[in-house]
Amino acid sequence: MITLTWVYVIAGVAFAAFAMFNLIDKANPRRFGNAAFWGLMAVSMWAGDLLGDFGNGLLVLALVAIAGFGGLGKTKADEVPEATKNQRAAKYGNGLFAIALVIPATALAGTFLFKQFPAYFDVKQVTLISLALGVLLALAVGHAWLRAAPALPLSQGRRLMDSVGWAAILPQMLASLGAVFALAGVGDVVGGVIQQAIPAGSLVGAVIAFGVGMALFTMIMGNAFAAFPVMVAAIGMPLLIKQYHGDPAIICAIGMLAGFCGTLMTPMAANFNLVPAALLELKDENAVVKMQIATAVPLLIVNIALIYFLAFR
């Protein structure tokens, strides 16, 4: 049976390749830090279950230490000349996007198709399995069409990941932080404070507090998945679901969308908002955030209204 373990193996291979490319790159003064960082990620993918909680905790601390003490850097050794980029863009045009579209198309098709074969695929993880398969298919299509060297995707992937740096694993870190907060009872503490500010018996106040709270906590923590367990424990479960008998599916689904509105408005969501600015070499690193605020605020208002009108019919 194909399970999530296979996805971890493939991801580990990619991280190990990034580490090896860095290790042999003498043009990068911080190549050893980069190699150690991506090498530890490969270890996490391959042996995370064997390391246990304590071992994984040490691994995370090592990753934080490498990034926090400036151990990561990037090189220009694998940069493609601007003239070559323009030449290839003119030759292939927008058709290049077809390679990228192979990934979501495969993920969507696999999500529906693989569930019909429970003997061969872990039906609980078919989306992630399909996503990994989409990446492999996109690589195959790209290689067949562009006739690139076999190692080129990994070397260019290494260059991109080195440009992104520690922000590449920020979503996983923040989602884990949210789980830790939930287990530590932070949601109960936050709920006690917020519920004192909500007028007694006010459904509108509770819905607004939940929606705005999801957005604000996402802005603070940088990830809606980290904010979700805290706000559900604080307001969603005790007030909206238990007290006012709201539909849990609607509250949770649209509540996440409210959190994503916060993602649009915070530099803490570095992988979404700061990395694109860095890759596009924008002068203002917060330019993406500033442009998104005008979209995020109306969306947040709409999401709060949707929770109120749909979840309590």
Protein backbone atom coordinates (compact mmCIF):
# COMPACT_ATOMS: atom_id res chain seq x y z
CA MET A 1 0.00 0.00 0.00
CA ILE A 2 1.19 3.52 -0.84
CA THR A 3 1.12 5.63 2.30
CA LEU A 4 2.41 9.01 3.41
CA THR A 5 5.74 7.33 4.18
CA TRP A 6 6.48 7.27 0.45
CA VAL A 7 5.93 11.03 0.27
CA TYR A 8 8.35 11.54 3.16
CA VAL A 9 10.93 9.38 1.38
CA ILE A 10 10.66 11.46 -1.80
CA ALA A 11 10.84 14.73 0.15
CA GLY A 12 13.87 13.39 2.03
CA VAL A 13 15.61 12.64 -1.26
CA ALA A 14 15.05 16.22 -2.41
CA PHE A 15 16.34 17.72 0.86
CA ALA A 16 19.36 15.40 0.80
CA ALA A 17 20.13 16.54 -2.75
CA PHE A 18 19.91 20.19 -1.66
CA ALA A 19 22.35 19.42 1.14
CA MET A 20 24.80 17.69 -1.21
CA PHE A 21 24.70 20.50 -3.78
CA ASN A 22 25.47 22.99 -1.02
CA LEU A 23 28.24 20.86 0.40
CA ILE A 24 30.16 20.84 -2.89
CA ASP A 25 29.44 24.51 -3.69
CA LYS A 26 32.67 26.30 -2.81
CA ALA A 27 31.23 29.59 -4.06
CA ASN A 28 28.88 29.75 -1.08
CA PRO A 29 30.70 30.91 2.09
CA ARG A 30 27.91 29.40 4.22
CA ARG A 31 27.68 26.11 2.37
CA PHE A 32 28.21 24.03 5.50
CA GLY A 33 25.32 25.75 7.29
CA ASN A 34 23.05 25.23 4.30
CA ALA A 35 24.12 21.61 3.97
CA ALA A 36 23.48 20.98 7.67
CA PHE A 37 20.06 22.67 7.55
CA TRP A 38 18.72 20.74 4.55
CA GLY A 39 20.48 17.59 5.71
CA LEU A 40 18.61 17.75 9.01
CA MET A 41 15.38 18.19 7.08
CA ALA A 42 16.20 15.01 5.16
CA VAL A 43 16.81 13.18 8.43
CA SER A 44 13.45 14.42 9.71
CA MET A 45 11.70 13.08 6.59
CA TRP A 46 13.45 9.72 6.68
CA ALA A 47 13.74 8.97 10.39
CA GLY A 48 11.27 11.26 12.19
CA ASP A 49 9.31 8.32 13.62
CA LEU A 50 12.47 6.68 14.91
CA LEU A 51 13.76 9.84 16.60
CA GLY A 52 10.72 10.23 18.83
CA ASP A 53 9.47 13.45 20.40
CA PHE A 54 12.71 14.29 22.21
CA GLY A 55 14.90 13.58 19.19
CA ASN A 56 12.66 15.63 16.89
CA GLY A 57 12.69 18.43 19.44
CA LEU A 58 16.49 18.51 19.36
CA LEU A 59 16.41 18.46 15.57
CA VAL A 60 14.09 21.47 15.51
CA LEU A 61 16.34 23.34 17.95
CA ALA A 62 19.30 22.61 15.69
CA LEU A 63 17.40 24.01 12.69
CA VAL A 64 16.50 27.13 14.67
CA ALA A 65 20.10 27.55 15.82
CA ILE A 66 21.48 27.31 12.28
CA ALA A 67 18.98 29.84 10.94
CA GLY A 68 19.02 32.10 14.00
CA PHE A 69 22.80 32.48 14.10
CA GLY A 70 23.05 33.38 10.42
CA GLY A 71 24.22 30.01 9.19
CA LEU A 72 22.24 30.15 5.96
CA GLY A 73 23.32 31.87 2.77
CA LYS A 74 22.89 31.66 -0.96
CA THR A 75 25.16 31.44 -3.95
CA LYS A 76 25.08 32.71 -7.50
CA ALA A 77 26.81 29.63 -8.83
CA ASP A 78 23.66 28.10 -10.34
CA GLU A 79 22.06 31.34 -11.50
CA VAL A 80 20.80 31.28 -15.06
CA PRO A 81 21.98 34.34 -17.05
CA GLU A 82 19.28 36.90 -17.74
CA ALA A 83 19.81 36.60 -21.48
CA THR A 84 19.22 32.85 -21.30
CA LYS A 85 16.02 33.36 -19.30
CA ASN A 86 14.69 35.82 -21.87
CA GLN A 87 15.61 33.52 -24.73
CA ARG A 88 13.83 30.54 -23.17
CA ALA A 89 10.81 32.64 -22.25
CA ALA A 90 10.50 33.82 -25.84
CA LYS A 91 10.87 30.27 -27.14
CA TYR A 92 8.39 28.48 -24.88
CA GLY A 93 6.09 31.34 -23.89
CA ASN A 94 3.17 30.75 -21.57
CA GLY A 95 3.29 27.06 -22.37
CA LEU A 96 5.73 26.74 -19.49
CA PHE A 97 2.80 27.15 -17.11
CA ALA A 98 1.42 23.85 -18.38
CA ILE A 99 4.18 22.04 -16.50
CA ALA A 100 3.19 23.72 -13.24
CA LEU A 101 -0.50 22.95 -13.86
CA VAL A 102 0.29 19.23 -14.02
CA ILE A 103 0.72 19.29 -10.22
CA PRO A 104 -2.72 20.60 -9.12
CA ALA A 105 -4.45 18.65 -11.91
CA THR A 106 -2.89 15.40 -10.70
CA ALA A 107 -3.65 16.23 -7.06
CA LEU A 108 -7.31 16.89 -7.89
CA ALA A 109 -7.73 13.79 -10.05
CA GLY A 110 -5.87 11.55 -7.61
CA THR A 111 -7.91 12.77 -4.65
CA PHE A 112 -11.09 11.45 -6.26
CA LEU A 113 -9.64 8.45 -8.08
CA PHE A 114 -7.37 6.86 -5.47
CA LYS A 115 -10.14 6.73 -2.88
CA GLN A 116 -11.70 4.02 -5.04
CA PHE A 117 -8.70 1.74 -4.39
CA PRO A 118 -8.33 1.47 -0.59
CA ALA A 119 -6.26 -1.70 -0.96
CA TYR A 120 -3.51 0.24 -2.75
CA PHE A 121 -3.65 3.75 -1.30
CA ASP A 122 -4.10 5.20 2.18
CA VAL A 123 -7.48 6.86 1.61
CA LYS A 124 -6.88 9.34 4.45
CA GLN A 125 -3.81 10.76 2.71
CA VAL A 126 -4.72 10.52 -0.97
CA THR A 127 -4.46 14.30 -1.50
CA LEU A 128 -0.84 14.48 -0.32
CA ILE A 129 0.04 11.28 -2.17
CA SER A 130 -1.52 12.71 -5.34
CA LEU A 131 0.34 15.98 -4.84
CA ALA A 132 3.67 14.15 -4.64
CA LEU A 133 2.77 12.15 -7.73
CA GLY A 134 1.94 15.41 -9.50
CA VAL A 135 5.39 16.76 -8.74
CA LEU A 136 7.03 13.65 -10.21
CA LEU A 137 4.83 13.82 -13.31
CA ALA A 138 5.61 17.53 -13.75
CA LEU A 139 9.33 16.72 -13.56
CA ALA A 140 8.93 14.02 -16.19
CA VAL A 141 6.93 16.30 -18.51
CA GLY A 142 9.41 19.13 -18.08
CA HIS A 143 12.37 16.88 -18.78
CA ALA A 144 10.76 15.36 -21.88
CA TRP A 145 9.76 18.75 -23.28
CA LEU A 146 12.69 20.99 -22.32
CA ARG A 147 15.42 18.33 -22.58
CA ALA A 148 17.06 19.62 -19.41
CA ALA A 149 19.91 17.82 -17.67
CA PRO A 150 18.62 15.29 -15.10
CA ALA A 151 20.27 17.13 -12.20
CA LEU A 152 19.02 20.58 -13.25
CA PRO A 153 15.67 20.45 -11.36
CA LEU A 154 17.49 19.59 -8.14
CA SER A 155 20.23 22.20 -8.59
CA GLN A 156 17.71 24.92 -9.42
CA GLY A 157 15.46 23.68 -6.63
CA ARG A 158 18.41 24.04 -4.29
CA ARG A 159 18.98 27.60 -5.49
CA LEU A 160 15.33 28.48 -4.92
CA MET A 161 15.21 26.88 -1.47
CA ASP A 162 18.42 28.65 -0.46
CA SER A 163 16.82 31.94 -1.55
CA VAL A 164 13.75 31.20 0.56
CA GLY A 165 15.83 29.85 3.46
CA TRP A 166 14.24 29.15 6.83
CA ALA A 167 10.88 30.59 5.71
CA ALA A 168 10.34 27.45 3.62
CA ILE A 169 9.54 25.44 6.75
CA LEU A 170 7.78 28.24 8.65
CA PRO A 171 4.23 26.87 8.05
CA GLN A 172 5.13 23.51 9.62
CA MET A 173 6.78 25.23 12.58
CA LEU A 174 3.82 27.53 13.22
CA ALA A 175 1.26 24.75 12.82
CA SER A 176 3.18 22.76 15.43
CA LEU A 177 3.23 25.82 17.68
CA GLY A 178 -0.56 26.03 17.44
CA ALA A 179 -0.88 22.41 18.55
CA VAL A 180 1.46 23.08 21.48
CA PHE A 181 -0.58 26.14 22.48
CA ALA A 182 -3.78 24.11 22.36
CA LEU A 183 -2.32 21.36 24.57
CA ALA A 184 -1.00 23.98 26.99
CA GLY A 185 -4.49 25.43 27.47
CA VAL A 186 -3.79 28.79 25.81
CA GLY A 187 -7.21 28.64 24.14
CA ASP A 188 -8.98 28.43 27.51
CA VAL A 189 -7.06 31.44 28.84
CA VAL A 190 -7.70 33.51 25.72
CA GLY A 191 -11.35 32.45 25.75
CA GLY A 192 -11.78 33.62 29.32
CA VAL A 193 -10.45 37.07 28.42
CA ILE A 194 -12.43 37.44 25.18
CA GLN A 195 -15.72 36.16 26.63
CA GLN A 196 -15.63 38.91 29.25
CA ALA A 197 -15.65 41.48 26.44
CA ILE A 198 -18.57 39.89 24.57
CA PRO A 199 -22.03 41.11 25.70
CA ALA A 200 -23.94 38.30 27.42
CA GLY A 201 -26.19 36.42 25.00
CA SER A 202 -24.83 38.26 21.95
CA LEU A 203 -24.46 35.84 19.05
CA VAL A 204 -23.29 38.65 16.77
CA GLY A 205 -20.57 39.59 19.26
CA ALA A 206 -19.39 35.99 19.55
CA VAL A 207 -19.23 35.55 15.76
CA ILE A 208 -17.33 38.82 15.30
CA ALA A 209 -14.93 37.91 18.09
CA PHE A 210 -14.29 34.52 16.51
CA GLY A 211 -13.73 35.87 12.99
CA VAL A 212 -11.60 38.84 14.05
CA GLY A 213 -9.77 36.65 16.56
CA MET A 214 -8.89 34.14 13.84
CA ALA A 215 -7.49 36.93 11.67
CA LEU A 216 -5.55 38.61 14.51
CA PHE A 217 -4.06 35.39 15.88
CA THR A 218 -3.08 34.41 12.35
CA MET A 219 -1.35 37.77 11.95
CA ILE A 220 0.53 37.21 15.21
CA MET A 221 1.44 33.58 14.60
CA GLY A 222 1.80 33.80 10.83
CA ASN A 223 -0.36 30.78 10.07
CA ALA A 224 -4.11 30.11 10.25
CA PHE A 225 -3.43 26.48 11.17
CA ALA A 226 -1.65 27.72 14.30
CA ALA A 227 -4.45 30.12 15.21
CA PHE A 228 -7.26 27.64 14.58
CA PRO A 229 -6.91 25.34 17.64
CA VAL A 230 -6.54 28.34 19.94
CA MET A 231 -9.62 30.21 18.67
CA VAL A 232 -11.80 27.11 18.43
CA ALA A 233 -10.97 26.26 22.04
CA ALA A 234 -11.50 29.89 23.09
CA ILE A 235 -14.73 30.80 21.27
CA GLY A 236 -15.68 28.35 18.56
CA MET A 237 -16.42 25.33 20.71
CA PRO A 238 -17.73 26.80 24.01
CA LEU A 239 -19.84 29.61 22.50
CA LEU A 240 -20.63 29.16 18.81
CA ILE A 241 -21.06 25.39 18.80
CA LYS A 242 -22.14 24.41 22.33
CA GLN A 243 -23.98 27.50 23.52
CA TYR A 244 -25.50 28.75 20.26
CA HIS A 245 -25.68 25.33 18.54
CA GLY A 246 -23.95 26.44 15.36
CA ASP A 247 -23.02 24.07 12.55
CA PRO A 248 -19.43 22.93 13.35
CA ALA A 249 -18.52 22.32 9.68
CA ILE A 250 -19.54 25.83 8.60
CA ILE A 251 -17.97 27.53 11.62
CA CYS A 252 -14.66 25.73 11.25
CA ALA A 253 -14.40 25.95 7.45
CA ILE A 254 -15.28 29.65 7.16
CA GLY A 255 -13.34 30.37 10.35
CA MET A 256 -10.21 29.11 8.58
CA LEU A 257 -10.99 31.45 5.67
CA ALA A 258 -11.20 34.32 8.17
CA GLY A 259 -7.78 33.28 9.42
CA PHE A 260 -6.39 33.31 5.89
CA CYS A 261 -7.49 36.95 5.67
CA GLY A 262 -5.00 37.56 8.47
CA THR A 263 -2.35 35.70 6.48
CA LEU A 264 -2.69 38.33 3.75
CA MET A 265 -1.96 41.14 6.20
CA THR A 266 1.11 39.99 8.12
CA PRO A 267 4.84 39.77 7.46
CA MET A 268 4.86 36.86 9.91
CA ALA A 269 3.53 34.76 7.03
CA ALA A 270 6.97 35.11 5.52
CA ASN A 271 6.65 32.26 3.06
CA PHE A 272 3.59 33.94 1.50
CA ASN A 273 4.41 37.62 1.81
CA LEU A 274 8.15 38.23 2.26
CA VAL A 275 9.56 35.46 0.07
CA PRO A 276 7.76 36.65 -3.11
CA ALA A 277 9.04 40.17 -2.47
CA ALA A 278 12.58 38.80 -2.09
CA LEU A 279 12.37 36.59 -5.17
CA LEU A 280 10.99 39.50 -7.24
CA GLU A 281 13.69 41.77 -5.75
CA LEU A 282 11.15 44.41 -4.70
CA LYS A 283 12.57 47.44 -2.92
CA ASP A 284 9.89 47.30 -0.21
CA GLU A 285 9.85 43.89 1.48
CA ASN A 286 6.33 44.58 2.77
CA ALA A 287 4.96 45.58 -0.65
CA VAL A 288 2.98 42.35 -1.00
CA VAL A 289 1.31 42.82 2.41
CA LYS A 290 0.38 46.43 1.65
CA MET A 291 -1.25 45.50 -1.63
CA GLN A 292 -3.27 42.69 -0.06
CA ILE A 293 -4.85 44.64 2.80
CA ALA A 294 -7.53 46.18 0.56
CA THR A 295 -8.62 42.65 -0.40
CA ALA A 296 -8.23 41.03 3.02
CA VAL A 297 -10.41 43.41 5.06
CA PRO A 298 -13.57 43.11 2.89
CA LEU A 299 -13.06 39.34 2.69
CA LEU A 300 -12.87 39.13 6.48
CA ILE A 301 -16.15 41.06 6.82
CA VAL A 302 -17.82 38.76 4.28
CA ASN A 303 -16.56 35.64 6.07
CA ILE A 304 -17.89 36.85 9.42
CA ALA A 305 -21.27 37.55 7.80
CA LEU A 306 -21.30 34.09 6.20
CA ILE A 307 -20.71 32.41 9.57
CA TYR A 308 -23.55 34.40 11.14
CA PHE A 309 -26.09 33.79 8.38
CA LEU A 310 -25.21 30.19 7.45
CA ALA A 311 -24.14 28.46 10.66
CA PHE A 312 -27.16 29.29 12.85
CA ARG A 313 -30.16 28.64 10.62
